[in-house]
Amino acid sequence: MKFKNMPVILALLAGFIVCIATFIYRYEGLSWLWLVIGTIALFYGLGICLRKLFNVILSDDIPDEEETDNTENEDAENEAEENEDGQ
């Protein structure tokens, strides 16, 4: 998990920006609260989606073509050796 903390960092950064903007525009208490909570929840969900997307795109688990060809050749050699030993 290369991007483990991405959702939390994204949500907190968005919440901080909304807090500054609501302070500048002088929002009331309850509307400020709902706006900040909604922003944090929305950006946390977005961060989870982005984390999954980045982990899939940048994963190292995808085998190269050369590795796949080598394993197929090794399997064929092992079968040939077993057939020779069995006869």
PDB file of N, CA and C in Angstrom:
ATOM      1  N   MET A   1       0.839  -1.177   0.000  1.00  0.00           N
ATOM      2  CA  MET A   1       0.000   0.000   0.000  1.00  0.00           C
ATOM      3  C   MET A   1       0.886   1.242   0.000  1.00  0.00           C
ATOM      4  N   LYS A   2       1.158   1.710  -1.167  1.00  0.00           N
ATOM      5  CA  LYS A   2       2.029   2.859  -1.303  1.00  0.00           C
ATOM      6  C   LYS A   2       1.323   4.150  -0.907  1.00  0.00           C
ATOM      7  N   PHE A   3       0.012   4.183  -1.052  1.00  0.00           N
ATOM      8  CA  PHE A   3      -0.751   5.409  -0.814  1.00  0.00           C
ATOM      9  C   PHE A   3      -1.701   5.234   0.375  1.00  0.00           C
ATOM     10  N   LYS A   4      -1.199   4.652   1.445  1.00  0.00           N
ATOM     11  CA  LYS A   4      -2.020   4.315   2.611  1.00  0.00           C
ATOM     12  C   LYS A   4      -2.678   5.538   3.239  1.00  0.00           C
ATOM     13  N   ASN A   5      -1.978   6.647   3.359  1.00  0.00           N
ATOM     14  CA  ASN A   5      -2.484   7.832   4.055  1.00  0.00           C
ATOM     15  C   ASN A   5      -3.138   8.848   3.127  1.00  0.00           C
ATOM     16  N   MET A   6      -3.258   8.542   1.858  1.00  0.00           N
ATOM     17  CA  MET A   6      -3.778   9.506   0.898  1.00  0.00           C
ATOM     18  C   MET A   6      -5.191  10.008   1.237  1.00  0.00           C
ATOM     19  N   PRO A   7      -6.160   9.134   1.579  1.00  0.00           N
ATOM     20  CA  PRO A   7      -7.506   9.643   1.874  1.00  0.00           C
ATOM     21  C   PRO A   7      -7.546  10.609   3.060  1.00  0.00           C
ATOM     22  N   VAL A   8      -6.798  10.298   4.100  1.00  0.00           N
ATOM     23  CA  VAL A   8      -6.810  11.137   5.299  1.00  0.00           C
ATOM     24  C   VAL A   8      -6.177  12.497   5.007  1.00  0.00           C
ATOM     25  N   ILE A   9      -5.044  12.479   4.324  1.00  0.00           N
ATOM     26  CA  ILE A   9      -4.365  13.740   4.002  1.00  0.00           C
ATOM     27  C   ILE A   9      -5.234  14.601   3.097  1.00  0.00           C
ATOM     28  N   LEU A  10      -5.859  13.990   2.091  1.00  0.00           N
ATOM     29  CA  LEU A  10      -6.719  14.730   1.171  1.00  0.00           C
ATOM     30  C   LEU A  10      -7.927  15.324   1.899  1.00  0.00           C
ATOM     31  N   ALA A  11      -8.544  14.546   2.787  1.00  0.00           N
ATOM     32  CA  ALA A  11      -9.713  15.032   3.526  1.00  0.00           C
ATOM     33  C   ALA A  11      -9.343  16.165   4.475  1.00  0.00           C
ATOM     34  N   LEU A  12      -8.236  16.023   5.184  1.00  0.00           N
ATOM     35  CA  LEU A  12      -7.829  17.080   6.112  1.00  0.00           C
ATOM     36  C   LEU A  12      -7.427  18.358   5.391  1.00  0.00           C
ATOM     37  N   LEU A  13      -6.765  18.218   4.262  1.00  0.00           N
ATOM     38  CA  LEU A  13      -6.398  19.395   3.483  1.00  0.00           C
ATOM     39  C   LEU A  13      -7.641  20.121   2.960  1.00  0.00           C
ATOM     40  N   ALA A  14      -8.611  19.361   2.452  1.00  0.00           N
ATOM     41  CA  ALA A  14      -9.854  19.971   1.972  1.00  0.00           C
ATOM     42  C   ALA A  14     -10.615  20.624   3.126  1.00  0.00           C
ATOM     43  N   GLY A  15     -10.656  19.958   4.280  1.00  0.00           N
ATOM     44  CA  GLY A  15     -11.320  20.535   5.446  1.00  0.00           C
ATOM     45  C   GLY A  15     -10.663  21.822   5.902  1.00  0.00           C
ATOM     46  N   PHE A  16      -9.350  21.871   5.863  1.00  0.00           N
ATOM     47  CA  PHE A  16      -8.629  23.088   6.240  1.00  0.00           C
ATOM     48  C   PHE A  16      -8.944  24.237   5.287  1.00  0.00           C
ATOM     49  N   ILE A  17      -8.966  23.932   3.999  1.00  0.00           N
ATOM     50  CA  ILE A  17      -9.274  24.976   3.006  1.00  0.00           C
ATOM     51  C   ILE A  17     -10.699  25.494   3.184  1.00  0.00           C
ATOM     52  N   VAL A  18     -11.642  24.595   3.462  1.00  0.00           N
ATOM     53  CA  VAL A  18     -13.030  25.012   3.674  1.00  0.00           C
ATOM     54  C   VAL A  18     -13.146  25.839   4.955  1.00  0.00           C
ATOM     55  N   CYS A  19     -12.404  25.466   5.981  1.00  0.00           N
ATOM     56  CA  CYS A  19     -12.433  26.251   7.221  1.00  0.00           C
ATOM     57  C   CYS A  19     -11.945  27.671   6.984  1.00  0.00           C
ATOM     58  N   ILE A  20     -10.883  27.822   6.234  1.00  0.00           N
ATOM     59  CA  ILE A  20     -10.367  29.156   5.930  1.00  0.00           C
ATOM     60  C   ILE A  20     -11.386  29.952   5.113  1.00  0.00           C
ATOM     61  N   ALA A  21     -11.977  29.294   4.097  1.00  0.00           N
ATOM     62  CA  ALA A  21     -12.943  29.996   3.240  1.00  0.00           C
ATOM     63  C   ALA A  21     -14.190  30.400   4.030  1.00  0.00           C
ATOM     64  N   THR A  22     -14.679  29.524   4.902  1.00  0.00           N
ATOM     65  CA  THR A  22     -15.868  29.867   5.680  1.00  0.00           C
ATOM     66  C   THR A  22     -15.568  30.944   6.717  1.00  0.00           C
ATOM     67  N   PHE A  23     -14.347  30.972   7.199  1.00  0.00           N
ATOM     68  CA  PHE A  23     -13.964  32.037   8.127  1.00  0.00           C
ATOM     69  C   PHE A  23     -13.928  33.387   7.408  1.00  0.00           C
ATOM     70  N   ILE A  24     -13.384  33.381   6.192  1.00  0.00           N
ATOM     71  CA  ILE A  24     -13.297  34.633   5.423  1.00  0.00           C
ATOM     72  C   ILE A  24     -14.693  35.144   5.069  1.00  0.00           C
ATOM     73  N   TYR A  25     -15.589  34.238   4.668  1.00  0.00           N
ATOM     74  CA  TYR A  25     -16.937  34.645   4.266  1.00  0.00           C
ATOM     75  C   TYR A  25     -17.924  34.688   5.438  1.00  0.00           C
ATOM     76  N   ARG A  26     -17.466  34.467   6.648  1.00  0.00           N
ATOM     77  CA  ARG A  26     -18.231  34.609   7.894  1.00  0.00           C
ATOM     78  C   ARG A  26     -19.538  33.800   7.913  1.00  0.00           C
ATOM     79  N   TYR A  27     -19.387  32.484   7.750  1.00  0.00           N
ATOM     80  CA  TYR A  27     -20.546  31.597   7.815  1.00  0.00           C
ATOM     81  C   TYR A  27     -21.013  31.452   9.250  1.00  0.00           C
ATOM     82  N   GLU A  28     -22.289  31.124   9.417  1.00  0.00           N
ATOM     83  CA  GLU A  28     -22.851  30.860  10.746  1.00  0.00           C
ATOM     84  C   GLU A  28     -22.351  29.505  11.237  1.00  0.00           C
ATOM     85  N   GLY A  29     -22.529  29.242  12.517  1.00  0.00           N
ATOM     86  CA  GLY A  29     -21.994  28.043  13.151  1.00  0.00           C
ATOM     87  C   GLY A  29     -22.482  26.732  12.580  1.00  0.00           C
ATOM     88  N   LEU A  30     -23.803  26.553  12.469  1.00  0.00           N
ATOM     89  CA  LEU A  30     -24.349  25.278  12.021  1.00  0.00           C
ATOM     90  C   LEU A  30     -24.092  25.044  10.532  1.00  0.00           C
ATOM     91  N   SER A  31     -24.219  26.060   9.713  1.00  0.00           N
ATOM     92  CA  SER A  31     -23.948  25.891   8.280  1.00  0.00           C
ATOM     93  C   SER A  31     -22.453  25.632   8.041  1.00  0.00           C
ATOM     94  N   TRP A  32     -21.610  26.255   8.856  1.00  0.00           N
ATOM     95  CA  TRP A  32     -20.169  26.000   8.771  1.00  0.00           C
ATOM     96  C   TRP A  32     -19.872  24.547   9.107  1.00  0.00           C
ATOM     97  N   LEU A  33     -20.493  24.047  10.153  1.00  0.00           N
ATOM     98  CA  LEU A  33     -20.261  22.676  10.597  1.00  0.00           C
ATOM     99  C   LEU A  33     -20.653  21.669   9.527  1.00  0.00           C
ATOM    100  N   TRP A  34     -21.844  21.806   8.952  1.00  0.00           N
ATOM    101  CA  TRP A  34     -22.303  20.869   7.926  1.00  0.00           C
ATOM    102  C   TRP A  34     -21.441  20.946   6.664  1.00  0.00           C
ATOM    103  N   LEU A  35     -21.005  22.128   6.324  1.00  0.00           N
ATOM    104  CA  LEU A  35     -20.162  22.295   5.147  1.00  0.00           C
ATOM    105  C   LEU A  35     -18.808  21.601   5.347  1.00  0.00           C
ATOM    106  N   VAL A  36     -18.215  21.758   6.503  1.00  0.00           N
ATOM    107  CA  VAL A  36     -16.914  21.135   6.777  1.00  0.00           C
ATOM    108  C   VAL A  36     -17.057  19.615   6.849  1.00  0.00           C
ATOM    109  N   ILE A  37     -18.071  19.124   7.532  1.00  0.00           N
ATOM    110  CA  ILE A  37     -18.276  17.678   7.639  1.00  0.00           C
ATOM    111  C   ILE A  37     -18.537  17.064   6.263  1.00  0.00           C
ATOM    112  N   GLY A  38     -19.361  17.706   5.471  1.00  0.00           N
ATOM    113  CA  GLY A  38     -19.644  17.207   4.121  1.00  0.00           C
ATOM    114  C   GLY A  38     -18.415  17.196   3.236  1.00  0.00           C
ATOM    115  N   THR A  39     -17.611  18.243   3.334  1.00  0.00           N
ATOM    116  CA  THR A  39     -16.384  18.315   2.536  1.00  0.00           C
ATOM    117  C   THR A  39     -15.402  17.232   2.939  1.00  0.00           C
ATOM    118  N   ILE A  40     -15.231  17.027   4.222  1.00  0.00           N
ATOM    119  CA  ILE A  40     -14.300  15.998   4.694  1.00  0.00           C
ATOM    120  C   ILE A  40     -14.774  14.613   4.261  1.00  0.00           C
ATOM    121  N   ALA A  41     -16.056  14.330   4.390  1.00  0.00           N
ATOM    122  CA  ALA A  41     -16.584  13.025   3.980  1.00  0.00           C
ATOM    123  C   ALA A  41     -16.437  12.813   2.468  1.00  0.00           C
ATOM    124  N   LEU A  42     -16.744  13.834   1.691  1.00  0.00           N
ATOM    125  CA  LEU A  42     -16.639  13.732   0.233  1.00  0.00           C
ATOM    126  C   LEU A  42     -15.199  13.495  -0.205  1.00  0.00           C
ATOM    127  N   PHE A  43     -14.270  14.247   0.328  1.00  0.00           N
ATOM    128  CA  PHE A  43     -12.879  14.099  -0.086  1.00  0.00           C
ATOM    129  C   PHE A  43     -12.228  12.846   0.490  1.00  0.00           C
ATOM    130  N   TYR A  44     -12.724  12.331   1.608  1.00  0.00           N
ATOM    131  CA  TYR A  44     -12.230  11.052   2.119  1.00  0.00           C
ATOM    132  C   TYR A  44     -12.635   9.924   1.169  1.00  0.00           C
ATOM    133  N   GLY A  45     -13.883   9.944   0.714  1.00  0.00           N
ATOM    134  CA  GLY A  45     -14.333   8.946  -0.260  1.00  0.00           C
ATOM    135  C   GLY A  45     -13.565   9.049  -1.573  1.00  0.00           C
ATOM    136  N   LEU A  46     -13.344  10.266  -2.022  1.00  0.00           N
ATOM    137  CA  LEU A  46     -12.560  10.478  -3.238  1.00  0.00           C
ATOM    138  C   LEU A  46     -11.131   9.972  -3.062  1.00  0.00           C
ATOM    139  N   GLY A  47     -10.562  10.184  -1.895  1.00  0.00           N
ATOM    140  CA  GLY A  47      -9.207   9.705  -1.606  1.00  0.00           C
ATOM    141  C   GLY A  47      -9.110   8.194  -1.616  1.00  0.00           C
ATOM    142  N   ILE A  48     -10.142   7.508  -1.108  1.00  0.00           N
ATOM    143  CA  ILE A  48     -10.153   6.042  -1.141  1.00  0.00           C
ATOM    144  C   ILE A  48     -10.175   5.545  -2.576  1.00  0.00           C
ATOM    145  N   CYS A  49     -11.014   6.157  -3.406  1.00  0.00           N
ATOM    146  CA  CYS A  49     -11.080   5.769  -4.820  1.00  0.00           C
ATOM    147  C   CYS A  49      -9.747   6.024  -5.527  1.00  0.00           C
ATOM    148  N   LEU A  50      -9.139   7.163  -5.272  1.00  0.00           N
ATOM    149  CA  LEU A  50      -7.854   7.475  -5.894  1.00  0.00           C
ATOM    150  C   LEU A  50      -6.751   6.543  -5.408  1.00  0.00           C
ATOM    151  N   ARG A  51      -6.784   6.186  -4.123  1.00  0.00           N
ATOM    152  CA  ARG A  51      -5.773   5.271  -3.585  1.00  0.00           C
ATOM    153  C   ARG A  51      -5.852   3.919  -4.276  1.00  0.00           C
ATOM    154  N   LYS A  52      -7.076   3.403  -4.447  1.00  0.00           N
ATOM    155  CA  LYS A  52      -7.239   2.117  -5.134  1.00  0.00           C
ATOM    156  C   LYS A  52      -6.777   2.208  -6.585  1.00  0.00           C
ATOM    157  N   LEU A  53      -7.120   3.294  -7.241  1.00  0.00           N
ATOM    158  CA  LEU A  53      -6.730   3.483  -8.633  1.00  0.00           C
ATOM    159  C   LEU A  53      -5.208   3.553  -8.771  1.00  0.00           C
ATOM    160  N   PHE A  54      -4.555   4.335  -7.921  1.00  0.00           N
ATOM    161  CA  PHE A  54      -3.100   4.458  -7.995  1.00  0.00           C
ATOM    162  C   PHE A  54      -2.406   3.147  -7.655  1.00  0.00           C
ATOM    163  N   ASN A  55      -2.927   2.398  -6.676  1.00  0.00           N
ATOM    164  CA  ASN A  55      -2.322   1.112  -6.328  1.00  0.00           C
ATOM    165  C   ASN A  55      -2.439   0.112  -7.472  1.00  0.00           C
ATOM    166  N   VAL A  56      -3.546   0.152  -8.202  1.00  0.00           N
ATOM    167  CA  VAL A  56      -3.700  -0.752  -9.342  1.00  0.00           C
ATOM    168  C   VAL A  56      -2.767  -0.343 -10.468  1.00  0.00           C
ATOM    169  N   ILE A  57      -2.687   0.940 -10.748  1.00  0.00           N
ATOM    170  CA  ILE A  57      -1.856   1.419 -11.850  1.00  0.00           C
ATOM    171  C   ILE A  57      -0.373   1.182 -11.562  1.00  0.00           C
ATOM    172  N   LEU A  58       0.058   1.419 -10.352  1.00  0.00           N
ATOM    173  CA  LEU A  58       1.475   1.352 -10.015  1.00  0.00           C
ATOM    174  C   LEU A  58       1.892   0.059  -9.328  1.00  0.00           C
ATOM    175  N   SER A  59       1.065  -0.972  -9.389  1.00  0.00           N
ATOM    176  CA  SER A  59       1.410  -2.220  -8.702  1.00  0.00           C
ATOM    177  C   SER A  59       2.556  -2.921  -9.419  1.00  0.00           C
ATOM    178  N   ASP A  60       3.392  -3.581  -8.638  1.00  0.00           N
ATOM    179  CA  ASP A  60       4.532  -4.312  -9.171  1.00  0.00           C
ATOM    180  C   ASP A  60       4.214  -5.794  -9.358  1.00  0.00           C
ATOM    181  N   ASP A  61       2.994  -6.194  -9.136  1.00  0.00           N
ATOM    182  CA  ASP A  61       2.621  -7.597  -9.205  1.00  0.00           C
ATOM    183  C   ASP A  61       2.362  -8.080 -10.624  1.00  0.00           C
ATOM    184  N   ILE A  62       2.349  -7.202 -11.591  1.00  0.00           N
ATOM    185  CA  ILE A  62       2.071  -7.593 -12.966  1.00  0.00           C
ATOM    186  C   ILE A  62       3.324  -8.264 -13.529  1.00  0.00           C
ATOM    187  N   PRO A  63       3.223  -9.532 -13.936  1.00  0.00           N
ATOM    188  CA  PRO A  63       4.413 -10.213 -14.456  1.00  0.00           C
ATOM    189  C   PRO A  63       4.773  -9.712 -15.853  1.00  0.00           C
ATOM    190  N   ASP A  64       6.064  -9.638 -16.113  1.00  0.00           N
ATOM    191  CA  ASP A  64       6.529  -9.254 -17.433  1.00  0.00           C
ATOM    192  C   ASP A  64       6.351 -10.425 -18.392  1.00  0.00           C
ATOM    193  N   GLU A  65       6.408 -10.143 -19.680  1.00  0.00           N
ATOM    194  CA  GLU A  65       6.258 -11.200 -20.669  1.00  0.00           C
ATOM    195  C   GLU A  65       7.418 -12.186 -20.587  1.00  0.00           C
ATOM    196  N   GLU A  66       8.628 -11.696 -20.309  1.00  0.00           N
ATOM    197  CA  GLU A  66       9.779 -12.575 -20.215  1.00  0.00           C
ATOM    198  C   GLU A  66       9.632 -13.555 -19.067  1.00  0.00           C
ATOM    199  N   GLU A  67       9.136 -13.091 -17.932  1.00  0.00           N
ATOM    200  CA  GLU A  67       8.942 -13.969 -16.786  1.00  0.00           C
ATOM    201  C   GLU A  67       7.915 -15.041 -17.097  1.00  0.00           C
ATOM    202  N   THR A  68       6.845 -14.696 -17.796  1.00  0.00           N
ATOM    203  CA  THR A  68       5.814 -15.659 -18.153  1.00  0.00           C
ATOM    204  C   THR A  68       6.379 -16.706 -19.100  1.00  0.00           C
ATOM    205  N   ASP A  69       7.167 -16.297 -20.086  1.00  0.00           N
ATOM    206  CA  ASP A  69       7.757 -17.232 -21.027  1.00  0.00           C
ATOM    207  C   ASP A  69       8.720 -18.172 -20.327  1.00  0.00           C
ATOM    208  N   ASN A  70       9.503 -17.671 -19.383  1.00  0.00           N
ATOM    209  CA  ASN A  70      10.454 -18.504 -18.664  1.00  0.00           C
ATOM    210  C   ASN A  70       9.756 -19.557 -17.832  1.00  0.00           C
ATOM    211  N   THR A  71       8.667 -19.217 -17.184  1.00  0.00           N
ATOM    212  CA  THR A  71       7.960 -20.199 -16.361  1.00  0.00           C
ATOM    213  C   THR A  71       7.326 -21.267 -17.233  1.00  0.00           C
ATOM    214  N   GLU A  72       6.862 -20.904 -18.418  1.00  0.00           N
ATOM    215  CA  GLU A  72       6.296 -21.908 -19.312  1.00  0.00           C
ATOM    216  C   GLU A  72       7.384 -22.849 -19.795  1.00  0.00           C
ATOM    217  N   ASN A  73       8.567 -22.331 -20.104  1.00  0.00           N
ATOM    218  CA  ASN A  73       9.679 -23.169 -20.542  1.00  0.00           C
ATOM    219  C   ASN A  73      10.144 -24.093 -19.431  1.00  0.00           C
ATOM    220  N   GLU A  74      10.196 -23.580 -18.205  1.00  0.00           N
ATOM    221  CA  GLU A  74      10.601 -24.403 -17.074  1.00  0.00           C
ATOM    222  C   GLU A  74       9.610 -25.528 -16.836  1.00  0.00           C
ATOM    223  N   ASP A  75       8.305 -25.260 -16.985  1.00  0.00           N
ATOM    224  CA  ASP A  75       7.295 -26.297 -16.818  1.00  0.00           C
ATOM    225  C   ASP A  75       7.462 -27.381 -17.866  1.00  0.00           C
ATOM    226  N   ALA A  76       7.738 -27.002 -19.101  1.00  0.00           N
ATOM    227  CA  ALA A  76       7.927 -27.977 -20.173  1.00  0.00           C
ATOM    228  C   ALA A  76       9.171 -28.814 -19.913  1.00  0.00           C
ATOM    229  N   GLU A  77      10.255 -28.213 -19.425  1.00  0.00           N
ATOM    230  CA  GLU A  77      11.477 -28.950 -19.120  1.00  0.00           C
ATOM    231  C   GLU A  77      11.241 -29.929 -17.976  1.00  0.00           C
ATOM    232  N   ASN A  78      10.498 -29.502 -16.946  1.00  0.00           N
ATOM    233  CA  ASN A  78      10.210 -30.391 -15.816  1.00  0.00           C
ATOM    234  C   ASN A  78       9.386 -31.584 -16.258  1.00  0.00           C
ATOM    235  N   GLU A  79       8.435 -31.389 -17.146  1.00  0.00           N
ATOM    236  CA  GLU A  79       7.620 -32.495 -17.647  1.00  0.00           C
ATOM    237  C   GLU A  79       8.470 -33.457 -18.469  1.00  0.00           C
ATOM    238  N   ALA A  80       9.387 -32.908 -19.257  1.00  0.00           N
ATOM    239  CA  ALA A  80      10.259 -33.762 -20.062  1.00  0.00           C
ATOM    240  C   ALA A  80      11.163 -34.604 -19.166  1.00  0.00           C
ATOM    241  N   GLU A  81      11.699 -34.025 -18.095  1.00  0.00           N
ATOM    242  CA  GLU A  81      12.539 -34.766 -17.171  1.00  0.00           C
ATOM    243  C   GLU A  81      11.756 -35.869 -16.464  1.00  0.00           C
ATOM    244  N   GLU A  82      10.502 -35.588 -16.091  1.00  0.00           N
ATOM    245  CA  GLU A  82       9.669 -36.597 -15.437  1.00  0.00           C
ATOM    246  C   GLU A  82       9.374 -37.748 -16.376  1.00  0.00           C
ATOM    247  N   ASN A  83       9.139 -37.452 -17.647  1.00  0.00           N
ATOM    248  CA  ASN A  83       8.875 -38.512 -18.616  1.00  0.00           C
ATOM    249  C   ASN A  83      10.110 -39.389 -18.819  1.00  0.00           C
ATOM    250  N   GLU A  84      11.307 -38.796 -18.837  1.00  0.00           N
ATOM    251  CA  GLU A  84      12.528 -39.565 -19.006  1.00  0.00           C
ATOM    252  C   GLU A  84      12.785 -40.455 -17.795  1.00  0.00           C
ATOM    253  N   ASP A  85      12.532 -39.937 -16.600  1.00  0.00           N
ATOM    254  CA  ASP A  85      12.752 -40.722 -15.383  1.00  0.00           C
ATOM    255  C   ASP A  85      11.753 -41.854 -15.283  1.00  0.00           C
ATOM    256  N   GLY A  86      10.569 -41.642 -15.755  1.00  0.00           N
ATOM    257  CA  GLY A  86       9.516 -42.652 -15.647  1.00  0.00           C
ATOM    258  C   GLY A  86       9.689 -43.805 -16.612  1.00  0.00           C
ATOM    259  N   GLN A  87      10.452 -43.638 -17.669  1.00  0.00           N
ATOM    260  CA  GLN A  87      10.589 -44.711 -18.672  1.00  0.00           C
ATOM    261  C   GLN A  87      11.701 -45.618 -18.378  1.00  0.00           C
TER     262      GLN A  87
END
